[in-house]
Amino acid sequence: MTDVMKQLEAADPARRASLDSVEAATFAALREEIIMTGTLLDTAAAERRPAAAHRTRRRRLGRRGGIAVALAGVLAGGGAAYAAVQLFAAQDTAGVTCMTTWRDSALDGQHVDASGPWMTGDAIQDCTTLLAQQGLPPVENPVVFEDDGWVYVTPADQAPDGIEPIEADTGPQTDPNVIELRQSLGDRIDGGRGECRSVEEAATWAQSELDRLGLEDWSIDAVGSNSDEEPCSTLSADEVGVIRVAPEIEPDALLYSPEVDPVVGALRRGLADQCLTADEARALVDQAYSTLDYEPFPTTTVVDETLECATADLEVGGSMQVTVHGPTTVG
């Protein structure tokens, strides 16, 4: 892949795809509308395996959960807006889809019973939680298979012809450390989307995350240079084994939303001002959610006794999702 193509891949092509006539503020608003237009506000909340003792983790305000975007319809706004929708949706293609009764339209992301991002890395466990949020029972006699970056769980006797079954926890992007890395890269609180870092600063920060998570085989690919227009950075890990870093505008400006920002602010303040247990941080998330007029993705709590204080990762896409990491006791 050429350097030019790497820059295109890493640098949010939706915002740059023949959209010169769209002002930056307008595009940011459009992007946030896309982010908040998920059809399935239904993501798994399940306990991931506790962090190993050697994975010490500095106290941070957050990490985040990779969110798969599903759009209910086409936003109005002409060809440029439609292209932005299509390109943005194409960026987030990894997740799990759950079907209690199989329909072929599910392969196109339509008429699914439940769908969302990886939370535990176990497709059947995640689907059980996703379906429960929709008031549906678990998949009976489940089979797991992959298609175009998505993992599907459906009754074995209804699965499409020609599928190759996989183990529930061996599909693409199911490594808990990789899941946590992607959460960290997109976290709105203090992760990759939590503050303005230059490309160089973001690359250094990303390497610290790889070191913390023990992902020794991963590498950092920084493309492009900062400018007055793009003083910050964006990070992605769509390709397994590579973190891409590219210039970007201020994340809080790009991702501003009147629905989401009060939650982001409450968690930033609450976790910075006090040392909380996992349960106390979870209660803080529930309190921050109390003003919402829609149901966000379920919150996941991961007990991690190596942490001195609890942290929380928040990512937006389809809805809002928070993962809390923390100990059972503090101080």
Protein backbone atom coordinates (compact mmCIF):
# COMPACT_ATOMS: atom_id res chain seq x y z
CA MET A 1 0.00 0.00 0.00
CA THR A 2 1.42 3.39 -0.95
CA ASP A 3 1.91 6.16 1.58
CA VAL A 4 -0.82 8.18 -0.11
CA MET A 5 -3.27 5.30 0.21
CA LYS A 6 -2.31 4.80 3.85
CA GLN A 7 -3.10 8.43 4.53
CA LEU A 8 -6.47 8.06 2.81
CA GLU A 9 -7.30 4.95 4.82
CA ALA A 10 -6.18 6.36 8.13
CA ALA A 11 -7.55 9.86 7.84
CA ASP A 12 -11.35 9.48 7.97
CA PRO A 13 -12.15 9.53 4.24
CA ALA A 14 -15.82 10.29 4.95
CA ARG A 15 -14.91 13.79 5.98
CA ARG A 16 -12.78 14.31 2.89
CA ALA A 17 -14.65 12.45 0.17
CA SER A 18 -15.61 15.11 -2.41
CA LEU A 19 -17.07 17.20 0.37
CA ASP A 20 -15.22 20.45 -0.26
CA SER A 21 -18.49 22.32 -0.51
CA VAL A 22 -19.51 21.24 2.98
CA GLU A 23 -18.21 23.46 5.76
CA ALA A 24 -16.27 21.74 8.54
CA ALA A 25 -18.87 22.56 11.17
CA THR A 26 -21.65 21.27 8.95
CA PHE A 27 -19.80 18.07 8.30
CA ALA A 28 -19.09 17.58 11.99
CA ALA A 29 -22.82 17.92 12.67
CA LEU A 30 -23.58 15.45 9.89
CA ARG A 31 -21.06 12.98 11.24
CA GLU A 32 -22.54 13.18 14.71
CA GLU A 33 -26.01 12.63 13.26
CA ILE A 34 -24.68 9.50 11.57
CA ILE A 35 -23.05 8.36 14.79
CA MET A 36 -26.24 8.84 16.77
CA THR A 37 -28.55 7.25 14.17
CA GLY A 38 -27.87 3.61 15.05
CA THR A 39 -30.81 1.34 14.51
CA LEU A 40 -29.82 -1.06 17.24
CA LEU A 41 -29.31 0.50 20.63
CA ASP A 42 -28.50 -2.94 21.89
CA THR A 43 -24.94 -3.83 22.82
CA ALA A 44 -23.72 -6.60 25.09
CA ALA A 45 -22.91 -5.96 28.73
CA ALA A 46 -20.90 -8.93 29.96
CA GLU A 47 -17.94 -9.60 32.17
CA ARG A 48 -14.68 -9.91 30.27
CA ARG A 49 -11.99 -12.05 31.84
CA PRO A 50 -10.18 -10.14 34.60
CA ALA A 51 -6.93 -8.47 33.65
CA ALA A 52 -3.80 -10.49 34.36
CA ALA A 53 -1.71 -9.33 37.31
CA HIS A 54 1.18 -8.25 35.09
CA ARG A 55 -1.04 -5.84 33.15
CA THR A 56 -0.60 -2.94 35.54
CA ARG A 57 -2.46 0.05 34.30
CA ARG A 58 -1.97 3.66 35.26
CA ARG A 59 -5.00 5.50 36.56
CA ARG A 60 -6.80 6.95 33.59
CA LEU A 61 -10.17 8.47 33.10
CA GLY A 62 -11.22 6.19 30.33
CA ARG A 63 -11.03 3.69 27.61
CA ARG A 64 -13.75 2.83 25.16
CA GLY A 65 -15.65 0.11 23.40
CA GLY A 66 -15.54 -0.48 19.70
CA ILE A 67 -19.01 0.30 18.35
CA ALA A 68 -20.46 -1.07 15.13
CA VAL A 69 -22.68 1.41 13.31
CA ALA A 70 -25.98 0.34 11.73
CA LEU A 71 -28.11 2.94 9.96
CA ALA A 72 -31.91 2.75 9.88
CA GLY A 73 -32.28 4.92 6.83
CA VAL A 74 -30.61 7.45 4.59
CA LEU A 75 -30.04 10.93 5.94
CA ALA A 76 -31.31 13.70 3.73
CA GLY A 77 -28.78 16.09 2.25
CA GLY A 78 -27.93 15.17 -1.31
CA GLY A 79 -25.14 13.18 -2.88
CA ALA A 80 -22.33 14.52 -0.70
CA ALA A 81 -24.18 13.71 2.49
CA TYR A 82 -25.10 10.26 1.23
CA ALA A 83 -21.46 9.57 0.32
CA ALA A 84 -20.46 10.61 3.82
CA VAL A 85 -22.99 8.21 5.33
CA GLN A 86 -21.81 5.34 3.19
CA LEU A 87 -18.12 5.91 3.83
CA PHE A 88 -18.56 6.44 7.54
CA ALA A 89 -20.63 3.29 7.90
CA ALA A 90 -17.99 1.33 5.99
CA GLN A 91 -15.37 2.21 8.56
CA ASP A 92 -16.98 0.21 11.37
CA THR A 93 -17.61 -3.27 10.04
CA ALA A 94 -16.50 -5.52 12.89
CA GLY A 95 -19.03 -6.79 15.40
CA VAL A 96 -21.46 -9.56 16.23
CA THR A 97 -24.97 -10.07 14.84
CA CYS A 98 -27.48 -12.29 16.62
CA MET A 99 -30.39 -14.09 14.96
CA THR A 100 -32.91 -16.25 16.83
CA THR A 101 -34.40 -17.05 13.40
CA TRP A 102 -32.17 -16.72 10.36
CA ARG A 103 -32.97 -14.28 7.54
CA ASP A 104 -30.60 -13.79 4.62
CA SER A 105 -31.12 -10.03 4.81
CA ALA A 106 -29.03 -10.13 8.00
CA LEU A 107 -25.95 -10.41 5.79
CA ASP A 108 -26.72 -6.85 4.67
CA GLY A 109 -27.32 -5.66 8.23
CA GLN A 110 -31.09 -5.64 7.82
CA HIS A 111 -33.87 -7.19 9.91
CA VAL A 112 -31.49 -8.45 12.59
CA ASP A 113 -32.64 -9.38 16.08
CA ALA A 114 -29.65 -7.75 17.79
CA SER A 115 -26.24 -6.46 16.78
CA GLY A 116 -23.37 -4.64 18.43
CA PRO A 117 -19.66 -4.41 19.10
CA TRP A 118 -17.49 -7.01 20.71
CA MET A 119 -17.58 -6.84 24.47
CA THR A 120 -16.25 -10.18 25.76
CA GLY A 121 -14.88 -11.69 22.55
CA ASP A 122 -17.27 -14.64 22.96
CA ALA A 123 -19.95 -14.37 20.27
CA ILE A 124 -22.51 -16.59 21.99
CA GLN A 125 -22.09 -14.86 25.35
CA ASP A 126 -22.32 -11.43 23.78
CA CYS A 127 -25.39 -12.40 21.76
CA THR A 128 -27.14 -13.73 24.86
CA THR A 129 -26.78 -10.30 26.45
CA LEU A 130 -27.66 -8.42 23.28
CA LEU A 131 -30.80 -10.47 22.77
CA ALA A 132 -31.82 -10.16 26.43
CA GLN A 133 -31.80 -6.38 26.07
CA GLN A 134 -34.31 -6.78 23.24
CA GLY A 135 -36.45 -9.08 25.38
CA LEU A 136 -35.49 -12.10 23.30
CA PRO A 137 -34.25 -15.54 24.40
CA PRO A 138 -30.77 -16.88 23.63
CA VAL A 139 -30.13 -18.52 20.26
CA GLU A 140 -31.04 -22.19 20.44
CA ASN A 141 -28.40 -24.67 19.26
CA PRO A 142 -26.20 -21.79 18.10
CA VAL A 143 -23.61 -21.87 15.34
CA VAL A 144 -21.07 -19.10 14.83
CA PHE A 145 -19.70 -18.02 11.45
CA GLU A 146 -18.01 -14.99 9.86
CA ASP A 147 -18.97 -12.98 6.79
CA ASP A 148 -17.35 -9.74 5.59
CA GLY A 149 -15.82 -8.86 8.96
CA TRP A 150 -18.95 -9.59 10.99
CA VAL A 151 -19.52 -12.63 13.16
CA TYR A 152 -23.02 -14.12 13.15
CA VAL A 153 -24.76 -16.35 15.70
CA THR A 154 -27.84 -18.22 14.49
CA PRO A 155 -29.53 -21.61 14.94
CA ALA A 156 -27.33 -24.27 13.36
CA ASP A 157 -30.19 -25.83 11.40
CA GLN A 158 -31.02 -22.47 9.77
CA ALA A 159 -27.54 -21.22 8.87
CA PRO A 160 -26.87 -20.23 5.23
CA ASP A 161 -25.40 -22.84 2.93
CA GLY A 162 -21.64 -22.85 2.58
CA ILE A 163 -20.76 -21.25 5.90
CA GLU A 164 -17.70 -22.42 7.82
CA PRO A 165 -18.47 -22.64 11.55
CA ILE A 166 -15.93 -21.09 13.92
CA GLU A 167 -15.46 -21.26 17.68
CA ALA A 168 -17.41 -18.66 19.61
CA ASP A 169 -14.26 -16.88 20.79
CA THR A 170 -11.98 -17.26 17.75
CA GLY A 171 -13.60 -14.97 15.21
CA PRO A 172 -11.84 -11.87 13.91
CA GLN A 173 -11.04 -9.19 16.49
CA THR A 174 -12.14 -11.27 19.49
CA ASP A 175 -8.89 -11.12 21.49
CA PRO A 176 -9.85 -9.29 24.73
CA ASN A 177 -6.61 -7.31 24.62
CA VAL A 178 -7.37 -6.18 21.06
CA ILE A 179 -10.92 -5.30 22.07
CA GLU A 180 -9.54 -3.21 24.92
CA LEU A 181 -7.03 -1.56 22.60
CA ARG A 182 -9.77 -0.49 20.20
CA GLN A 183 -11.75 0.79 23.16
CA SER A 184 -8.77 2.86 24.24
CA LEU A 185 -8.10 4.33 20.81
CA GLY A 186 -11.63 5.74 20.51
CA ASP A 187 -12.33 6.68 24.12
CA ARG A 188 -13.97 10.11 24.46
CA ILE A 189 -12.98 10.55 28.10
CA ASP A 190 -9.19 10.50 28.05
CA GLY A 191 -8.26 7.93 25.44
CA GLY A 192 -7.48 8.41 21.79
CA ARG A 193 -10.53 10.66 21.35
CA GLY A 194 -10.29 12.23 24.79
CA GLU A 195 -7.85 15.07 24.16
CA CYS A 196 -5.93 16.81 21.40
CA ARG A 197 -2.63 15.03 20.75
CA SER A 198 -0.34 15.75 17.83
CA VAL A 199 0.45 12.87 15.49
CA GLU A 200 3.79 12.41 17.24
CA GLU A 201 2.24 12.54 20.71
CA ALA A 202 -0.54 10.14 19.69
CA ALA A 203 1.99 7.64 18.31
CA THR A 204 3.89 7.71 21.60
CA TRP A 205 0.66 7.30 23.56
CA ALA A 206 -0.47 4.43 21.33
CA GLN A 207 2.82 2.62 21.87
CA SER A 208 2.31 2.88 25.62
CA GLU A 209 -1.07 1.20 25.18
CA LEU A 210 0.50 -1.62 23.15
CA ASP A 211 3.11 -2.09 25.87
CA ARG A 212 0.47 -2.11 28.60
CA LEU A 213 -1.66 -4.69 26.83
CA GLY A 214 1.27 -6.89 25.84
CA LEU A 215 0.59 -6.56 22.10
CA GLU A 216 4.26 -6.87 21.14
CA ASP A 217 3.62 -7.81 17.51
CA TRP A 218 1.67 -4.63 16.76
CA SER A 219 3.20 -1.57 15.12
CA ILE A 220 2.43 2.15 14.78
CA ASP A 221 1.96 3.68 11.31
CA ALA A 222 1.88 7.48 11.50
CA VAL A 223 0.82 9.14 8.24
CA GLY A 224 0.56 12.81 7.43
CA SER A 225 1.61 15.89 9.40
CA ASN A 226 -0.24 18.27 11.66
CA SER A 227 -1.29 21.70 10.42
CA ASP A 228 -3.10 24.73 11.75
CA GLU A 229 -6.35 23.22 10.46
CA GLU A 230 -5.60 19.76 11.91
CA PRO A 231 -3.51 20.13 15.06
CA CYS A 232 -4.76 16.93 16.67
CA SER A 233 -4.87 13.27 15.62
CA THR A 234 -7.11 10.29 15.05
CA LEU A 235 -6.17 6.68 15.74
CA SER A 236 -7.59 3.46 14.32
CA ALA A 237 -6.84 -0.25 14.45
CA ASP A 238 -9.02 -1.58 11.64
CA GLU A 239 -6.17 -3.76 10.39
CA VAL A 240 -5.09 -6.32 12.97
CA GLY A 241 -1.53 -5.64 14.05
CA VAL A 242 -1.35 -1.97 13.02
CA ILE A 243 -2.42 1.27 14.70
CA ARG A 244 -2.81 4.06 12.19
CA VAL A 245 -2.33 7.65 13.33
CA ALA A 246 -3.31 10.61 11.14
CA PRO A 247 -3.94 14.36 11.54
CA GLU A 248 -7.40 15.46 12.68
CA ILE A 249 -9.22 18.47 14.08
CA GLU A 250 -9.98 18.80 17.79
CA PRO A 251 -11.91 15.63 18.74
CA ASP A 252 -14.36 17.41 21.05
CA ALA A 253 -15.22 19.76 18.19
CA LEU A 254 -15.53 17.02 15.60
CA LEU A 255 -17.60 14.74 17.82
CA TYR A 256 -19.64 17.33 19.71
CA SER A 257 -23.19 16.27 20.49
CA PRO A 258 -25.66 17.91 22.91
CA GLU A 259 -26.80 14.42 23.93
CA VAL A 260 -23.37 12.87 24.46
CA ASP A 261 -21.19 15.70 25.77
CA PRO A 262 -22.91 16.04 29.19
CA VAL A 263 -22.19 12.35 29.80
CA VAL A 264 -18.58 12.75 28.68
CA GLY A 265 -18.15 15.76 30.95
CA ALA A 266 -19.75 14.07 33.95
CA LEU A 267 -17.47 11.05 33.65
CA ARG A 268 -14.35 13.15 33.10
CA ARG A 269 -15.07 15.17 36.22
CA GLY A 270 -16.32 12.32 38.38
CA LEU A 271 -13.44 9.96 37.71
CA ALA A 272 -10.79 12.67 37.95
CA ASP A 273 -12.00 14.01 41.29
CA GLN A 274 -12.21 10.77 43.27
CA CYS A 275 -10.88 7.22 43.48
CA LEU A 276 -13.78 4.84 42.90
CA THR A 277 -14.36 1.11 42.95
CA ALA A 278 -15.74 -0.59 39.84
CA ASP A 279 -19.25 -0.59 41.35
CA GLU A 280 -19.03 3.09 42.29
CA ALA A 281 -17.83 4.01 38.80
CA ARG A 282 -20.68 1.99 37.33
CA ALA A 283 -23.11 3.96 39.49
CA LEU A 284 -21.52 7.17 38.20
CA VAL A 285 -22.19 6.03 34.64
CA ASP A 286 -25.80 5.19 35.48
CA GLN A 287 -26.25 8.63 37.03
CA ALA A 288 -24.72 10.35 33.98
CA TYR A 289 -27.14 8.43 31.77
CA SER A 290 -30.19 9.51 33.77
CA THR A 291 -30.81 12.58 31.62
CA LEU A 292 -30.82 10.71 28.31
CA ASP A 293 -34.09 10.33 26.44
CA TYR A 294 -32.96 7.15 24.66
CA GLU A 295 -31.49 3.85 25.76
CA PRO A 296 -27.70 3.63 25.26
CA PHE A 297 -25.73 0.47 24.71
CA PRO A 298 -25.46 -1.51 27.98
CA THR A 299 -22.55 -0.69 30.27
CA THR A 300 -19.95 -3.40 30.82
CA THR A 301 -18.03 -3.77 34.08
CA VAL A 302 -14.64 -5.49 34.10
CA VAL A 303 -13.17 -6.18 37.55
CA ASP A 304 -9.44 -5.45 37.52
CA GLU A 305 -7.74 -5.68 40.90
CA THR A 306 -4.45 -4.39 39.45
CA LEU A 307 -5.99 -0.93 39.17
CA GLU A 308 -5.74 1.52 42.04
CA CYS A 309 -8.92 3.33 40.99
CA ALA A 310 -11.68 2.67 38.48
CA THR A 311 -11.60 3.98 34.91
CA ALA A 312 -14.28 4.19 32.22
CA ASP A 313 -14.10 4.03 28.44
CA LEU A 314 -16.78 5.76 26.39
CA GLU A 315 -17.24 5.55 22.63
CA VAL A 316 -20.00 6.84 20.41
CA GLY A 317 -21.26 5.08 17.29
CA GLY A 318 -24.77 3.75 16.74
CA SER A 319 -25.31 4.76 20.37
CA MET A 320 -23.12 5.37 23.40
CA GLN A 321 -21.27 2.57 25.19
CA VAL A 322 -19.20 2.61 28.37
CA THR A 323 -16.84 -0.04 29.72
CA VAL A 324 -15.83 0.32 33.37
CA HIS A 325 -12.54 -1.17 34.59
CA GLY A 326 -11.78 -1.16 38.28
CA PRO A 327 -11.04 -2.90 41.58
CA THR A 328 -13.59 -4.11 44.10
CA THR A 329 -12.05 -2.03 46.90
CA VAL A 330 -9.93 1.13 47.05
CA GLY A 331 -7.72 2.81 49.62
